C-alpha cells in the first residue's frame, strides 16, 4: 500500500555532488585570506538534483546515511577478501611440477 500524502516513513538517500565553486574544499580564496564558500554553505556538497545547498539538518542526515552505506560496503569487502591463511591453503602452482609452494 503506497502512501499518497504526508512525510515518508524512511529517510531517502539524496544524490549529492561536490560543490563546483570550492571543489569540495569548503573554502574559497579571498584577496588576503580564505572565506567560507557561500554556494554550498561551507559544506562542500550540493544536492545533485537541484544544484542548491542543502540545509544543515538535511545535510547531516544525508552524510550520515552515506557514511553508513560506505561503512557497510567496506565491511562486506573486507569479509570477502580472504586472509593469509586462505592464501596459504590454496594451490599457487609455483612449486615443482605445478605443485603448491608455500615458502616454508
Protein backbone atom coordinates (compact mmCIF):
# COMPACT_ATOMS: atom_id res chain seq x y z
CA UNK A 1 0.00 0.00 0.00
CA UNK A 2 1.56 3.29 -1.12
CA UNK A 3 1.18 6.48 0.82
CA UNK A 4 -0.49 9.28 -1.06
CA UNK A 5 0.29 12.22 1.24
CA UNK A 6 2.36 13.26 4.25
CA UNK A 7 6.04 12.73 5.00
CA UNK A 8 7.70 9.46 4.12
CA UNK A 9 8.32 6.86 6.81
CA UNK A 10 12.01 6.45 5.98
CA UNK A 11 14.72 8.91 5.06
CA UNK A 12 15.80 8.51 1.46
CA UNK A 13 19.39 8.97 0.37
CA UNK A 14 19.55 12.01 -1.89
CA UNK A 15 22.24 12.15 -4.56
CA UNK A 16 24.96 14.62 -3.59
CA UNK A 17 27.61 16.23 -5.75
CA UNK A 18 30.78 18.11 -4.95
CA UNK A 19 30.43 21.89 -4.97
CA UNK A 20 31.81 23.34 -8.20
CA UNK A 21 32.74 26.67 -6.63
CA UNK A 22 35.03 25.40 -3.88
CA UNK A 23 35.56 21.89 -5.37
CA UNK A 24 34.64 20.28 -2.05
CA UNK A 25 37.22 22.24 -0.01
CA UNK A 26 34.50 24.27 1.83
CA UNK A 27 36.52 27.49 1.41
CA UNK A 28 37.33 29.86 -1.44
CA UNK A 29 40.36 32.09 -1.68
CA UNK A 30 39.77 35.75 -0.97
CA UNK A 31 42.26 38.53 -1.58
CA UNK A 32 44.11 38.07 1.70
CA UNK A 33 42.54 35.04 3.37
CA UNK A 34 40.19 32.12 2.80
CA UNK A 35 36.43 32.65 3.02
CA UNK A 36 33.62 30.15 3.64
CA UNK A 37 32.03 29.05 0.37
CA UNK A 38 28.65 30.73 0.00
CA UNK A 39 27.45 28.38 -2.75
CA UNK A 40 27.42 25.28 -0.51
CA UNK A 41 27.20 26.93 2.95
CA UNK A 42 30.78 25.78 3.61
CA UNK A 43 29.89 22.09 3.42
CA UNK A 44 31.48 21.13 0.10
CA UNK A 45 28.30 19.31 -1.02
CA UNK A 46 25.29 20.28 -3.13
CA UNK A 47 22.07 18.48 -4.00
CA UNK A 48 22.69 16.75 -7.33
CA UNK A 49 19.07 17.16 -8.42
CA UNK A 50 18.70 20.90 -7.80
CA UNK A 51 22.32 22.10 -7.59
CA UNK A 52 21.49 24.05 -4.44
CA UNK A 53 23.00 23.86 -0.96
CA UNK A 54 21.15 21.64 1.49
CA UNK A 55 20.04 22.90 4.90
CA UNK A 56 22.41 21.84 7.66
CA UNK A 57 19.88 19.45 9.26
CA UNK A 58 19.26 17.63 5.98
CA UNK A 59 22.97 17.62 5.09
CA UNK A 60 23.92 15.98 8.38
CA UNK A 61 21.33 13.25 7.84
CA UNK A 62 22.40 12.66 4.24
CA UNK A 63 26.10 12.45 5.13
CA UNK A 64 25.28 10.07 7.98
CA UNK A 65 23.32 7.81 5.62
CA UNK A 66 26.14 7.96 3.07
CA UNK A 67 28.75 7.13 5.73
CA UNK A 68 26.66 4.21 6.99
CA UNK A 69 26.33 2.79 3.44
CA UNK A 70 30.05 3.16 2.71
CA UNK A 71 30.99 1.59 6.06
CA UNK A 72 28.72 -1.39 5.37
CA UNK A 73 30.15 -1.77 1.86
CA UNK A 74 33.70 -1.66 3.24
CA UNK A 75 32.95 -4.31 5.86
CA UNK A 76 31.42 -6.57 3.18
CA UNK A 77 34.54 -6.09 1.04
CA UNK A 78 36.80 -6.95 3.96
CA UNK A 79 34.83 -10.13 4.67
CA UNK A 80 35.05 -11.28 1.06
CA UNK A 81 38.84 -10.88 0.92
CA UNK A 82 40.50 -13.88 2.47
CA UNK A 83 43.36 -13.56 4.87
CA UNK A 84 46.85 -15.04 4.72
CA UNK A 85 45.55 -18.40 5.97
CA UNK A 86 43.26 -18.83 2.95
CA UNK A 87 46.05 -17.86 0.57
CA UNK A 88 48.37 -20.36 2.28
CA UNK A 89 45.87 -23.19 1.79
CA UNK A 90 45.27 -22.51 -1.93
CA UNK A 91 47.44 -24.02 -4.67
CA UNK A 92 49.55 -21.28 -6.23
CA UNK A 93 51.19 -23.61 -8.82
CA UNK A 94 54.67 -22.22 -8.13
CA UNK A 95 56.27 -25.40 -6.90
CA UNK A 96 57.99 -28.18 -8.84
CA UNK A 97 55.66 -29.57 -11.50
CA UNK A 98 52.94 -27.00 -10.73
CA UNK A 99 52.59 -28.11 -7.13
CA UNK A 100 51.95 -25.72 -4.25
CA UNK A 101 54.93 -23.69 -2.95
CA UNK A 102 54.45 -22.07 0.45
CA UNK A 103 57.96 -20.73 1.01
CA UNK A 104 58.42 -22.61 4.29
